[in-house]
Amino acid sequence: MAKSLALSLILFVLYASTAAIAMVRNLGEVEYSDDTEFVKASCETTTYPELCFQSLSSYASEIKKRPRQLAETALAVSLARAKSAKTYVSDMTDYKGITERQHEAVSDCIEEMGDTVDRLRSSLKELKHLEEGESGEDFWLCLGNVRTWTSAALTDETTCLDGFGGKAMDGELKRLIREHILRVAQDTSNALALINVFASKH
């Protein structure tokens, strides 16, 4: 069930990203009255628009209608969320009544979230090297790295959820971990969509 849910999440993200291409291209043709409106309109291209706006609207004055800055901020938010989730899952190794199988799933999840943190950190570092309006072979190589690492981070997050598949794993521990990891996956999905918004300008 968890594997099916994880696969569905990835497929939904891919579908939503494809469906948003036309909307993304239209963003560059609209004049926004303020920075917050730009963030809100950009978030409409993501898989989870309400969560996107909730997470990023407070940074609107720093983003200033800049697609790269918006993508960078989204990645930074996702990275912070992933770090927090990794710490949370790590603490679950001492969960009262944890079974051997659950402990193994938690340990695997900690490793996956460690990979997530590393990939999102690399994506953020790479994205900082890119500039609005830039183009050329080096630009697309760097942007390709950003997209690949962010997509891989999303896969890591869903792999963590896969480890808690089956009725034998049901319970409070699974619910708590799933709640935290799904939020990271949603933020990562939104960040990937906003990276595509930035890419569409070049």
N, C-alpha and C. Protein backbone atom coordinates (compact mmCIF):
# COMPACT_ATOMS: atom_id res chain seq x y z
N MET A 1 0.82 -1.20 0.00
CA MET A 1 0.00 0.00 0.00
C MET A 1 0.86 1.26 0.00
N ALA A 2 1.91 1.23 0.85
CA ALA A 2 2.80 2.39 0.91
C ALA A 2 3.54 2.58 -0.39
N LYS A 3 3.96 1.44 -1.00
CA LYS A 3 4.68 1.54 -2.27
C LYS A 3 3.77 2.11 -3.34
N SER A 4 2.50 1.69 -3.32
CA SER A 4 1.53 2.21 -4.28
C SER A 4 1.31 3.71 -4.07
N LEU A 5 1.25 4.11 -2.80
CA LEU A 5 1.07 5.53 -2.48
C LEU A 5 2.28 6.34 -2.94
N ALA A 6 3.48 5.80 -2.70
CA ALA A 6 4.70 6.50 -3.10
C ALA A 6 4.76 6.65 -4.61
N LEU A 7 4.43 5.58 -5.34
CA LEU A 7 4.44 5.63 -6.80
C LEU A 7 3.41 6.63 -7.30
N SER A 8 2.24 6.63 -6.67
CA SER A 8 1.19 7.56 -7.06
C SER A 8 1.63 8.99 -6.86
N LEU A 9 2.35 9.25 -5.77
CA LEU A 9 2.84 10.59 -5.48
C LEU A 9 3.80 11.06 -6.57
N ILE A 10 4.74 10.20 -6.96
CA ILE A 10 5.70 10.56 -7.99
C ILE A 10 5.02 10.79 -9.33
N LEU A 11 4.08 9.91 -9.70
CA LEU A 11 3.37 10.05 -10.96
C LEU A 11 2.53 11.31 -10.98
N PHE A 12 1.93 11.63 -9.83
CA PHE A 12 1.11 12.84 -9.75
C PHE A 12 1.97 14.08 -9.93
N VAL A 13 3.16 14.07 -9.33
CA VAL A 13 4.08 15.20 -9.46
C VAL A 13 4.48 15.38 -10.92
N LEU A 14 4.81 14.27 -11.61
CA LEU A 14 5.20 14.35 -13.01
C LEU A 14 4.06 14.87 -13.87
N TYR A 15 2.85 14.39 -13.60
CA TYR A 15 1.69 14.84 -14.36
C TYR A 15 1.44 16.33 -14.13
N ALA A 16 1.48 16.73 -12.87
CA ALA A 16 1.22 18.13 -12.54
C ALA A 16 2.26 19.05 -13.15
N SER A 17 3.52 18.60 -13.15
CA SER A 17 4.59 19.41 -13.74
C SER A 17 4.37 19.61 -15.23
N THR A 18 3.94 18.55 -15.91
CA THR A 18 3.68 18.64 -17.35
C THR A 18 2.48 19.54 -17.63
N ALA A 19 1.43 19.38 -16.84
CA ALA A 19 0.21 20.16 -17.05
C ALA A 19 0.41 21.64 -16.79
N ALA A 20 1.44 21.97 -16.00
CA ALA A 20 1.65 23.37 -15.62
C ALA A 20 2.49 24.15 -16.62
N ILE A 21 3.04 23.51 -17.65
CA ILE A 21 3.96 24.18 -18.57
C ILE A 21 3.34 25.41 -19.21
N ALA A 22 2.13 25.28 -19.71
CA ALA A 22 1.48 26.43 -20.37
C ALA A 22 1.27 27.57 -19.39
N MET A 23 0.87 27.24 -18.18
CA MET A 23 0.65 28.27 -17.18
C MET A 23 1.96 28.96 -16.82
N VAL A 24 3.03 28.18 -16.73
CA VAL A 24 4.34 28.73 -16.41
C VAL A 24 4.77 29.76 -17.44
N ARG A 25 4.58 29.43 -18.72
CA ARG A 25 5.00 30.35 -19.77
C ARG A 25 4.23 31.67 -19.72
N ASN A 26 2.99 31.59 -19.28
CA ASN A 26 2.17 32.79 -19.19
C ASN A 26 2.61 33.72 -18.06
N LEU A 27 3.32 33.20 -17.09
CA LEU A 27 3.74 34.01 -15.95
C LEU A 27 4.61 35.18 -16.38
N GLY A 28 5.44 34.96 -17.38
CA GLY A 28 6.35 36.00 -17.82
C GLY A 28 5.65 37.12 -18.58
N GLU A 29 4.38 36.92 -18.95
CA GLU A 29 3.66 37.91 -19.73
C GLU A 29 2.72 38.74 -18.86
N VAL A 30 2.73 38.53 -17.56
CA VAL A 30 1.81 39.21 -16.66
C VAL A 30 2.57 40.19 -15.78
N GLU A 31 1.96 41.36 -15.56
CA GLU A 31 2.52 42.34 -14.63
C GLU A 31 1.85 42.16 -13.28
N TYR A 32 2.65 41.99 -12.25
CA TYR A 32 2.10 41.76 -10.91
C TYR A 32 2.17 43.04 -10.09
N SER A 33 1.09 43.30 -9.34
CA SER A 33 1.01 44.53 -8.57
C SER A 33 2.00 44.54 -7.41
N ASP A 34 2.32 43.37 -6.88
CA ASP A 34 3.29 43.31 -5.78
C ASP A 34 3.97 41.93 -5.77
N ASP A 35 4.96 41.81 -4.90
CA ASP A 35 5.75 40.58 -4.84
C ASP A 35 4.93 39.39 -4.36
N THR A 36 4.01 39.64 -3.44
CA THR A 36 3.17 38.56 -2.91
C THR A 36 2.30 37.97 -4.00
N GLU A 37 1.77 38.81 -4.87
CA GLU A 37 0.94 38.32 -5.98
C GLU A 37 1.76 37.45 -6.92
N PHE A 38 3.03 37.82 -7.13
CA PHE A 38 3.91 37.01 -7.97
C PHE A 38 4.11 35.62 -7.36
N VAL A 39 4.35 35.57 -6.05
CA VAL A 39 4.54 34.29 -5.37
C VAL A 39 3.27 33.44 -5.49
N LYS A 40 2.13 34.06 -5.26
CA LYS A 40 0.86 33.32 -5.32
C LYS A 40 0.62 32.76 -6.71
N ALA A 41 0.84 33.56 -7.75
CA ALA A 41 0.63 33.11 -9.13
C ALA A 41 1.59 31.99 -9.48
N SER A 42 2.84 32.11 -9.05
CA SER A 42 3.84 31.07 -9.32
C SER A 42 3.46 29.78 -8.62
N CYS A 43 2.96 29.89 -7.41
CA CYS A 43 2.58 28.71 -6.63
C CYS A 43 1.42 27.95 -7.29
N GLU A 44 0.64 28.63 -8.11
CA GLU A 44 -0.47 27.96 -8.79
C GLU A 44 0.03 26.91 -9.78
N THR A 45 1.31 26.97 -10.15
CA THR A 45 1.87 25.98 -11.07
C THR A 45 2.38 24.74 -10.35
N THR A 46 2.34 24.74 -9.02
CA THR A 46 2.89 23.63 -8.24
C THR A 46 1.83 22.58 -7.96
N THR A 47 2.27 21.45 -7.42
CA THR A 47 1.36 20.35 -7.09
C THR A 47 0.50 20.67 -5.88
N TYR A 48 1.06 21.45 -4.94
CA TYR A 48 0.35 21.81 -3.71
C TYR A 48 0.38 23.33 -3.55
N PRO A 49 -0.44 24.04 -4.32
CA PRO A 49 -0.38 25.51 -4.35
C PRO A 49 -0.63 26.20 -3.02
N GLU A 50 -1.58 25.71 -2.23
CA GLU A 50 -1.88 26.35 -0.95
C GLU A 50 -0.70 26.22 0.00
N LEU A 51 -0.11 25.04 0.06
CA LEU A 51 1.06 24.82 0.90
C LEU A 51 2.23 25.67 0.42
N CYS A 52 2.39 25.76 -0.88
CA CYS A 52 3.46 26.57 -1.49
C CYS A 52 3.35 28.02 -1.03
N PHE A 53 2.16 28.59 -1.18
CA PHE A 53 1.97 30.00 -0.81
C PHE A 53 2.13 30.19 0.69
N GLN A 54 1.62 29.26 1.46
CA GLN A 54 1.76 29.32 2.91
C GLN A 54 3.23 29.33 3.33
N SER A 55 4.04 28.54 2.64
CA SER A 55 5.46 28.40 2.99
C SER A 55 6.31 29.57 2.50
N LEU A 56 5.92 30.18 1.38
CA LEU A 56 6.80 31.14 0.72
C LEU A 56 6.34 32.60 0.77
N SER A 57 5.08 32.84 1.10
CA SER A 57 4.56 34.20 1.04
C SER A 57 5.30 35.17 1.97
N SER A 58 5.78 34.67 3.10
CA SER A 58 6.47 35.54 4.05
C SER A 58 7.84 35.99 3.53
N TYR A 59 8.32 35.34 2.46
CA TYR A 59 9.61 35.70 1.87
C TYR A 59 9.45 36.56 0.61
N ALA A 60 8.22 36.98 0.33
CA ALA A 60 7.93 37.69 -0.92
C ALA A 60 8.81 38.92 -1.12
N SER A 61 9.05 39.67 -0.04
CA SER A 61 9.85 40.89 -0.17
C SER A 61 11.30 40.60 -0.51
N GLU A 62 11.78 39.39 -0.20
CA GLU A 62 13.14 38.98 -0.55
C GLU A 62 13.18 38.39 -1.96
N ILE A 63 12.09 37.75 -2.35
CA ILE A 63 12.02 37.12 -3.67
C ILE A 63 11.93 38.16 -4.78
N LYS A 64 11.10 39.18 -4.56
CA LYS A 64 10.99 40.33 -5.49
C LYS A 64 10.74 39.93 -6.95
N LYS A 65 9.77 39.08 -7.17
CA LYS A 65 9.36 38.70 -8.54
C LYS A 65 10.49 38.06 -9.35
N ARG A 66 11.46 37.45 -8.68
CA ARG A 66 12.57 36.80 -9.37
C ARG A 66 12.39 35.28 -9.32
N PRO A 67 12.16 34.64 -10.45
CA PRO A 67 11.93 33.19 -10.48
C PRO A 67 13.06 32.37 -9.85
N ARG A 68 14.33 32.77 -10.08
CA ARG A 68 15.42 32.00 -9.48
C ARG A 68 15.38 32.11 -7.98
N GLN A 69 15.16 33.33 -7.47
CA GLN A 69 15.11 33.53 -6.03
C GLN A 69 13.94 32.76 -5.42
N LEU A 70 12.84 32.68 -6.15
CA LEU A 70 11.68 31.93 -5.68
C LEU A 70 12.02 30.44 -5.57
N ALA A 71 12.67 29.90 -6.60
CA ALA A 71 13.07 28.49 -6.57
C ALA A 71 14.09 28.23 -5.46
N GLU A 72 15.01 29.17 -5.30
CA GLU A 72 16.03 29.03 -4.26
C GLU A 72 15.38 29.00 -2.87
N THR A 73 14.43 29.90 -2.66
CA THR A 73 13.74 29.95 -1.37
C THR A 73 12.96 28.67 -1.12
N ALA A 74 12.30 28.16 -2.16
CA ALA A 74 11.54 26.92 -2.03
C ALA A 74 12.45 25.75 -1.67
N LEU A 75 13.63 25.71 -2.30
CA LEU A 75 14.59 24.65 -1.97
C LEU A 75 15.09 24.78 -0.53
N ALA A 76 15.33 26.01 -0.11
CA ALA A 76 15.81 26.24 1.26
C ALA A 76 14.76 25.80 2.28
N VAL A 77 13.50 26.08 1.99
CA VAL A 77 12.41 25.66 2.87
C VAL A 77 12.32 24.14 2.92
N SER A 78 12.44 23.50 1.76
CA SER A 78 12.40 22.05 1.69
C SER A 78 13.58 21.43 2.43
N LEU A 79 14.76 22.02 2.29
CA LEU A 79 15.95 21.53 2.98
C LEU A 79 15.77 21.62 4.49
N ALA A 80 15.27 22.74 4.97
CA ALA A 80 15.06 22.92 6.41
C ALA A 80 14.05 21.90 6.92
N ARG A 81 13.00 21.66 6.14
CA ARG A 81 11.98 20.69 6.52
C ARG A 81 12.57 19.28 6.55
N ALA A 82 13.43 18.97 5.59
CA ALA A 82 14.05 17.64 5.52
C ALA A 82 14.98 17.41 6.71
N LYS A 83 15.74 18.43 7.08
CA LYS A 83 16.62 18.31 8.25
C LYS A 83 15.82 18.04 9.51
N SER A 84 14.73 18.78 9.66
CA SER A 84 13.86 18.60 10.82
C SER A 84 13.25 17.20 10.85
N ALA A 85 12.82 16.73 9.68
CA ALA A 85 12.21 15.40 9.60
C ALA A 85 13.23 14.31 9.91
N LYS A 86 14.46 14.49 9.44
CA LYS A 86 15.50 13.51 9.72
C LYS A 86 15.74 13.40 11.23
N THR A 87 15.81 14.54 11.89
CA THR A 87 16.00 14.56 13.35
C THR A 87 14.82 13.87 14.05
N TYR A 88 13.62 14.18 13.57
CA TYR A 88 12.41 13.59 14.16
C TYR A 88 12.42 12.07 14.02
N VAL A 89 12.72 11.58 12.81
CA VAL A 89 12.74 10.14 12.57
C VAL A 89 13.85 9.48 13.39
N SER A 90 14.98 10.16 13.52
CA SER A 90 16.10 9.62 14.32
C SER A 90 15.68 9.40 15.76
N ASP A 91 14.89 10.32 16.28
CA ASP A 91 14.41 10.20 17.65
C ASP A 91 13.46 9.02 17.83
N MET A 92 12.87 8.55 16.72
CA MET A 92 11.91 7.46 16.80
C MET A 92 12.56 6.09 17.00
N THR A 93 13.88 6.03 16.97
CA THR A 93 14.55 4.75 17.24
C THR A 93 14.33 4.33 18.69
N ASP A 94 13.98 5.29 19.55
CA ASP A 94 13.72 5.01 20.96
C ASP A 94 12.23 4.98 21.27
N TYR A 95 11.41 4.88 20.22
CA TYR A 95 9.95 4.88 20.40
C TYR A 95 9.54 3.69 21.26
N LYS A 96 8.66 3.94 22.22
CA LYS A 96 8.24 2.89 23.16
C LYS A 96 7.51 1.76 22.43
N GLY A 97 7.97 0.55 22.64
CA GLY A 97 7.32 -0.61 22.06
C GLY A 97 7.67 -0.87 20.61
N ILE A 98 8.70 -0.22 20.08
CA ILE A 98 9.07 -0.40 18.68
C ILE A 98 9.52 -1.84 18.43
N THR A 99 9.05 -2.43 17.34
CA THR A 99 9.41 -3.80 17.00
C THR A 99 10.71 -3.80 16.19
N GLU A 100 11.27 -4.99 16.02
CA GLU A 100 12.52 -5.10 15.26
C GLU A 100 12.32 -4.65 13.81
N ARG A 101 11.19 -5.03 13.21
CA ARG A 101 10.91 -4.63 11.84
C ARG A 101 10.71 -3.12 11.73
N GLN A 102 10.02 -2.55 12.70
CA GLN A 102 9.82 -1.10 12.70
C GLN A 102 11.15 -0.37 12.87
N HIS A 103 11.98 -0.91 13.74
CA HIS A 103 13.29 -0.30 13.97
C HIS A 103 14.12 -0.31 12.68
N GLU A 104 14.03 -1.40 11.94
CA GLU A 104 14.76 -1.50 10.67
C GLU A 104 14.23 -0.47 9.67
N ALA A 105 12.91 -0.32 9.63
CA ALA A 105 12.30 0.66 8.71
C ALA A 105 12.68 2.08 9.10
N VAL A 106 12.73 2.36 10.38
CA VAL A 106 13.14 3.68 10.87
C VAL A 106 14.60 3.94 10.49
N SER A 107 15.45 2.95 10.69
CA SER A 107 16.88 3.10 10.36
C SER A 107 17.07 3.36 8.87
N ASP A 108 16.31 2.64 8.03
CA ASP A 108 16.40 2.85 6.59
C ASP A 108 15.91 4.25 6.22
N CYS A 109 14.86 4.69 6.90
CA CYS A 109 14.30 6.01 6.64
C CYS A 109 15.28 7.10 7.01
N ILE A 110 15.99 6.91 8.10
CA ILE A 110 17.00 7.89 8.52
C ILE A 110 18.06 8.04 7.42
N GLU A 111 18.46 6.89 6.84
CA GLU A 111 19.45 6.91 5.77
C GLU A 111 18.90 7.63 4.54
N GLU A 112 17.65 7.33 4.19
CA GLU A 112 17.02 7.99 3.04
C GLU A 112 16.90 9.50 3.25
N MET A 113 16.55 9.90 4.46
CA MET A 113 16.40 11.33 4.73
C MET A 113 17.76 12.01 4.77
N GLY A 114 18.80 11.26 5.14
CA GLY A 114 20.15 11.81 5.07
C GLY A 114 20.53 12.10 3.62
N ASP A 115 20.16 11.17 2.74
CA ASP A 115 20.39 11.37 1.30
C ASP A 115 19.58 12.56 0.78
N THR A 116 18.35 12.67 1.25
CA THR A 116 17.50 13.80 0.86
C THR A 116 18.14 15.13 1.21
N VAL A 117 18.63 15.22 2.44
CA VAL A 117 19.28 16.45 2.90
C VAL A 117 20.49 16.76 2.03
N ASP A 118 21.30 15.76 1.74
CA ASP A 118 22.49 15.97 0.91
C ASP A 118 22.13 16.44 -0.49
N ARG A 119 21.12 15.82 -1.08
CA ARG A 119 20.73 16.18 -2.44
C ARG A 119 20.13 17.58 -2.52
N LEU A 120 19.28 17.91 -1.56
CA LEU A 120 18.68 19.25 -1.55
C LEU A 120 19.74 20.32 -1.28
N ARG A 121 20.70 20.01 -0.43
CA ARG A 121 21.79 20.95 -0.16
C ARG A 121 22.61 21.19 -1.43
N SER A 122 22.88 20.11 -2.15
CA SER A 122 23.63 20.23 -3.42
C SER A 122 22.84 21.03 -4.45
N SER A 123 21.55 20.78 -4.53
CA SER A 123 20.69 21.51 -5.47
C SER A 123 20.69 22.99 -5.17
N LEU A 124 20.57 23.32 -3.89
CA LEU A 124 20.53 24.73 -3.48
C LEU A 124 21.85 25.42 -3.79
N LYS A 125 22.95 24.75 -3.53
CA LYS A 125 24.28 25.30 -3.81
C LYS A 125 24.46 25.54 -5.30
N GLU A 126 24.02 24.58 -6.12
CA GLU A 126 24.15 24.69 -7.57
C GLU A 126 23.27 25.81 -8.12
N LEU A 127 22.06 25.92 -7.59
CA LEU A 127 21.13 26.93 -8.06
C LEU A 127 21.64 28.34 -7.79
N LYS A 128 22.36 28.51 -6.70
CA LYS A 128 22.89 29.82 -6.35
C LYS A 128 23.89 30.34 -7.39
N HIS A 129 24.44 29.44 -8.20
CA HIS A 129 25.41 29.84 -9.23
C HIS A 129 24.74 30.40 -10.48
N LEU A 130 23.44 30.18 -10.60
CA LEU A 130 22.71 30.59 -11.80
C LEU A 130 22.09 31.97 -11.63
N GLU A 131 21.95 32.68 -12.73
CA GLU A 131 21.41 34.04 -12.69
C GLU A 131 20.18 34.15 -13.58
N GLU A 132 19.31 35.11 -13.24
CA GLU A 132 18.13 35.38 -14.06
C GLU A 132 18.59 35.79 -15.46
N GLY A 133 17.96 35.22 -16.49
CA GLY A 133 18.25 35.60 -17.86
C GLY A 133 19.49 34.96 -18.45
N GLU A 134 20.24 34.20 -17.66
CA GLU A 134 21.45 33.54 -18.13
C GLU A 134 21.07 32.38 -19.04
N SER A 135 21.98 32.00 -19.91
CA SER A 135 21.74 30.86 -20.79
C SER A 135 23.09 30.24 -21.16
N GLY A 136 23.09 29.30 -22.08
CA GLY A 136 24.35 28.69 -22.48
C GLY A 136 24.47 27.27 -21.95
N GLU A 137 25.48 26.57 -22.44
CA GLU A 137 25.68 25.15 -22.11
C GLU A 137 25.90 24.94 -20.61
N ASP A 138 26.75 25.77 -19.99
CA ASP A 138 27.03 25.62 -18.56
C ASP A 138 25.77 25.83 -17.72
N PHE A 139 24.95 26.80 -18.15
CA PHE A 139 23.70 27.08 -17.44
C PHE A 139 22.82 25.83 -17.41
N TRP A 140 22.61 25.23 -18.58
CA TRP A 140 21.71 24.09 -18.66
C TRP A 140 22.29 22.85 -17.99
N LEU A 141 23.62 22.74 -17.96
CA LEU A 141 24.25 21.63 -17.24
C LEU A 141 23.98 21.76 -15.74
N CYS A 142 24.18 22.97 -15.22
CA CYS A 142 23.93 23.21 -13.79
C CYS A 142 22.46 23.02 -13.45
N LEU A 143 21.59 23.54 -14.32
CA LEU A 143 20.16 23.41 -14.07
C LEU A 143 19.73 21.95 -14.12
N GLY A 144 20.35 21.19 -15.02
CA GLY A 144 20.06 19.76 -15.09
C GLY A 144 20.43 19.05 -13.79
N ASN A 145 21.56 19.47 -13.20
CA ASN A 145 21.97 18.91 -11.90
C ASN A 145 20.94 19.22 -10.83
N VAL A 146 20.47 20.46 -10.82
CA VAL A 146 19.49 20.89 -9.81
C VAL A 146 18.22 20.04 -9.93
N ARG A 147 17.75 19.87 -11.15
CA ARG A 147 16.53 19.08 -11.37
C ARG A 147 16.73 17.61 -10.98
N THR A 148 17.87 17.06 -11.36
CA THR A 148 18.15 15.65 -11.08
C THR A 148 18.23 15.39 -9.59
N TRP A 149 18.97 16.24 -8.86
CA TRP A 149 19.13 16.05 -7.43
C TRP A 149 17.82 16.26 -6.67
N THR A 150 17.04 17.23 -7.11
CA THR A 150 15.77 17.49 -6.43
C THR A 150 14.80 16.34 -6.67
N SER A 151 14.77 15.83 -7.89
CA SER A 151 13.93 14.67 -8.20
C SER A 151 14.37 13.45 -7.39
N ALA A 152 15.68 13.27 -7.26
CA ALA A 152 16.21 12.13 -6.49
C ALA A 152 15.84 12.26 -5.02
N ALA A 153 15.83 13.50 -4.52
CA ALA A 153 15.44 13.73 -3.12
C ALA A 153 14.00 13.30 -2.92
N LEU A 154 13.14 13.60 -3.88
CA LEU A 154 11.73 13.21 -3.79
C LEU A 154 11.61 11.68 -3.79
N THR A 155 12.43 11.02 -4.58
CA THR A 155 12.44 9.56 -4.61
C THR A 155 12.89 8.99 -3.27
N ASP A 156 13.90 9.61 -2.66
CA ASP A 156 14.37 9.17 -1.34
C ASP A 156 13.25 9.23 -0.31
N GLU A 157 12.49 10.29 -0.38
CA GLU A 157 11.40 10.49 0.59
C GLU A 157 10.32 9.43 0.44
N THR A 158 9.98 9.11 -0.81
CA THR A 158 8.96 8.09 -1.03
C THR A 158 9.50 6.69 -0.71
N THR A 159 10.80 6.49 -0.88
CA THR A 159 11.41 5.21 -0.51
C THR A 159 11.32 4.99 0.99
N CYS A 160 11.48 6.07 1.75
CA CYS A 160 11.31 5.99 3.21
C CYS A 160 9.92 5.48 3.54
N LEU A 161 8.91 6.01 2.86
CA LEU A 161 7.54 5.59 3.12
C LEU A 161 7.31 4.14 2.74
N ASP A 162 8.01 3.68 1.70
CA ASP A 162 7.87 2.28 1.25
C ASP A 162 8.22 1.31 2.37
N GLY A 163 9.15 1.70 3.21
CA GLY A 163 9.61 0.82 4.28
C GLY A 163 8.56 0.52 5.33
N PHE A 164 7.49 1.31 5.33
CA PHE A 164 6.43 1.12 6.33
C PHE A 164 5.18 0.49 5.70
N GLY A 165 5.37 -0.20 4.56
CA GLY A 165 4.25 -0.83 3.87
C GLY A 165 3.75 -2.06 4.61
N GLY A 166 2.49 -2.38 4.42
CA GLY A 166 1.89 -3.57 5.02
C GLY A 166 1.18 -3.28 6.33
N LYS A 167 0.15 -4.08 6.60
CA LYS A 167 -0.66 -3.87 7.80
C LYS A 167 0.15 -4.07 9.08
N ALA A 168 1.17 -4.91 9.01
CA ALA A 168 1.97 -5.18 10.20
C ALA A 168 2.67 -3.92 10.71
N MET A 169 2.83 -2.94 9.83
CA MET A 169 3.53 -1.71 10.20
C MET A 169 2.56 -0.60 10.63
N ASP A 170 1.26 -0.86 10.50
CA ASP A 170 0.28 0.15 10.86
C ASP A 170 0.37 0.50 12.34
N GLY A 171 0.01 1.73 12.65
CA GLY A 171 0.03 2.16 14.05
C GLY A 171 0.50 3.59 14.19
N GLU A 172 0.66 4.03 15.43
CA GLU A 172 1.01 5.42 15.71
C GLU A 172 2.38 5.80 15.17
N LEU A 173 3.35 4.90 15.28
CA LEU A 173 4.70 5.19 14.79
C LEU A 173 4.67 5.50 13.29
N LYS A 174 4.01 4.64 12.53
CA LYS A 174 3.91 4.84 11.09
C LYS A 174 3.19 6.15 10.77
N ARG A 175 2.12 6.43 11.48
CA ARG A 175 1.34 7.64 11.23
C ARG A 175 2.17 8.89 11.46
N LEU A 176 2.92 8.90 12.54
CA LEU A 176 3.72 10.07 12.88
C LEU A 176 4.84 10.31 11.86
N ILE A 177 5.53 9.24 11.50
CA ILE A 177 6.62 9.37 10.53
C ILE A 177 6.07 9.75 9.16
N ARG A 178 5.00 9.09 8.75
CA ARG A 178 4.38 9.38 7.45
C ARG A 178 3.97 10.84 7.35
N GLU A 179 3.43 11.38 8.42
CA GLU A 179 2.99 12.78 8.45
C GLU A 179 4.16 13.72 8.18
N HIS A 180 5.30 13.46 8.79
CA HIS A 180 6.47 14.33 8.61
C HIS A 180 7.10 14.16 7.22
N ILE A 181 7.20 12.93 6.76
CA ILE A 181 7.86 12.69 5.47
C ILE A 181 7.00 13.19 4.31
N LEU A 182 5.69 13.01 4.41
CA LEU A 182 4.83 13.51 3.34
C LEU A 182 4.93 15.03 3.21
N ARG A 183 5.08 15.72 4.33
CA ARG A 183 5.21 17.18 4.26
C ARG A 183 6.50 17.56 3.54
N VAL A 184 7.58 16.84 3.83
CA VAL A 184 8.84 17.10 3.13
C VAL A 184 8.67 16.84 1.63
N ALA A 185 8.00 15.73 1.30
CA ALA A 185 7.79 15.37 -0.11
C ALA A 185 6.97 16.44 -0.83
N GLN A 186 5.98 16.98 -0.17
CA GLN A 186 5.16 18.03 -0.76
C GLN A 186 5.98 19.29 -1.01
N ASP A 187 6.79 19.67 -0.03
CA ASP A 187 7.66 20.84 -0.20
C ASP A 187 8.66 20.62 -1.32
N THR A 188 9.21 19.41 -1.40
CA THR A 188 10.18 19.09 -2.45
C THR A 188 9.53 19.12 -3.83
N SER A 189 8.33 18.58 -3.90
CA SER A 189 7.58 18.61 -5.16
C SER A 189 7.33 20.04 -5.61
N ASN A 190 6.95 20.90 -4.69
CA ASN A 190 6.72 22.31 -5.02
C ASN A 190 8.00 22.99 -5.47
N ALA A 191 9.09 22.69 -4.79
CA ALA A 191 10.37 23.29 -5.17
C ALA A 191 10.75 22.88 -6.59
N LEU A 192 10.52 21.61 -6.93
CA LEU A 192 10.84 21.13 -8.28
C LEU A 192 10.00 21.86 -9.32
N ALA A 193 8.74 22.09 -9.01
CA ALA A 193 7.86 22.83 -9.93
C ALA A 193 8.35 24.26 -10.13
N LEU A 194 8.82 24.89 -9.07
CA LEU A 194 9.29 26.27 -9.17
C LEU A 194 10.65 26.35 -9.85
N ILE A 195 11.43 25.29 -9.77
CA ILE A 195 12.67 25.21 -10.56
C ILE A 195 12.30 25.20 -12.05
N ASN A 196 11.22 24.49 -12.37
CA ASN A 196 10.76 24.46 -13.76
C ASN A 196 10.22 25.81 -14.21
N VAL A 197 9.64 26.57 -13.29
CA VAL A 197 9.21 27.93 -13.60
C VAL A 197 10.42 28.76 -14.00
N PHE A 198 11.47 28.66 -13.21
CA PHE A 198 12.72 29.38 -13.51
C PHE A 198 13.28 28.95 -14.85
N ALA A 199 13.29 27.63 -15.10
CA ALA A 199 13.84 27.11 -16.37
C ALA A 199 13.05 27.62 -17.56
N SER A 200 11.75 27.81 -17.38
CA SER A 200 10.90 28.23 -18.50
C SER A 200 11.21 29.64 -18.98
N LYS A 201 11.97 30.40 -18.18
CA LYS A 201 12.30 31.77 -18.55
C LYS A 201 13.54 31.84 -19.44
N HIS A 202 14.15 30.70 -19.73
CA HIS A 202 15.42 30.69 -20.45
C HIS A 202 15.34 29.90 -21.74
